């Protein structure tokens, strides 16, 4: 597969910048609105929910996939419920912080046990299935790339946790600008550089010890890209 196809596969997996906007913009607007309305929780929640609903409506009007905007809307609703239930504005960001911690742990553990998540997610999209596990160089590349994604989530936590503990709601919202598309774009670029340097694994069912033998080959190779999970939260 060409480098262009690899880039397209990576973009398909991650949802692209629009997915990051759908997931992150309401959180940015919540922090700004909370400061603008004199630290009133109610108006800030309505701004966040309204922006998420607007992004979903725009997706419908443009007749594009609503997967990421719908996931963003559901996420904002959960964040709003947590903040309203606790009465603490900073808890609006608590689900996001917990999610980042879970993804950082998942990427780290997957790389350590030899099943790097980026390979699990991206291999089927690129047509490699799980045959990359029989290619030491490709498996190492997926492991390095998975550590890069782990690092992205750790960076978010390093910034978010002190601000959360300090109750700096407006700062949490503003930080979301830099922790969104800029950090995401850098992570995607580094991932592409790492994977581009190692040729993709060609299908070879007769390799000794191949985990996807001839009998399981159709099921592995037929896995559709739509079955890939957790896309927008890579954002």
Foldseek 3Di string as FASTA:
>chain_A
DDLVLLLVLLCLQQVPQLLLCLQQVLLLQLLVVCVVVVNDNVVSLCSSLVVLVVSLVVCVVVVHDSVSSVVNNVLQVVLSVQCVVVVALLSSCVVLLVLLVVLLVVQLVCLVVQNHVQCCQRCLSSQNQNQLSVPVLQSVLSNVLSNLLSVLSVVLNVVSVVCSVVSSSNSNSVVSVCSTPVSLVVSSVVSSVSNVVDDRDDDDQPPPPRPCHPVNVVVRNVDDSVPRDDNSSSD
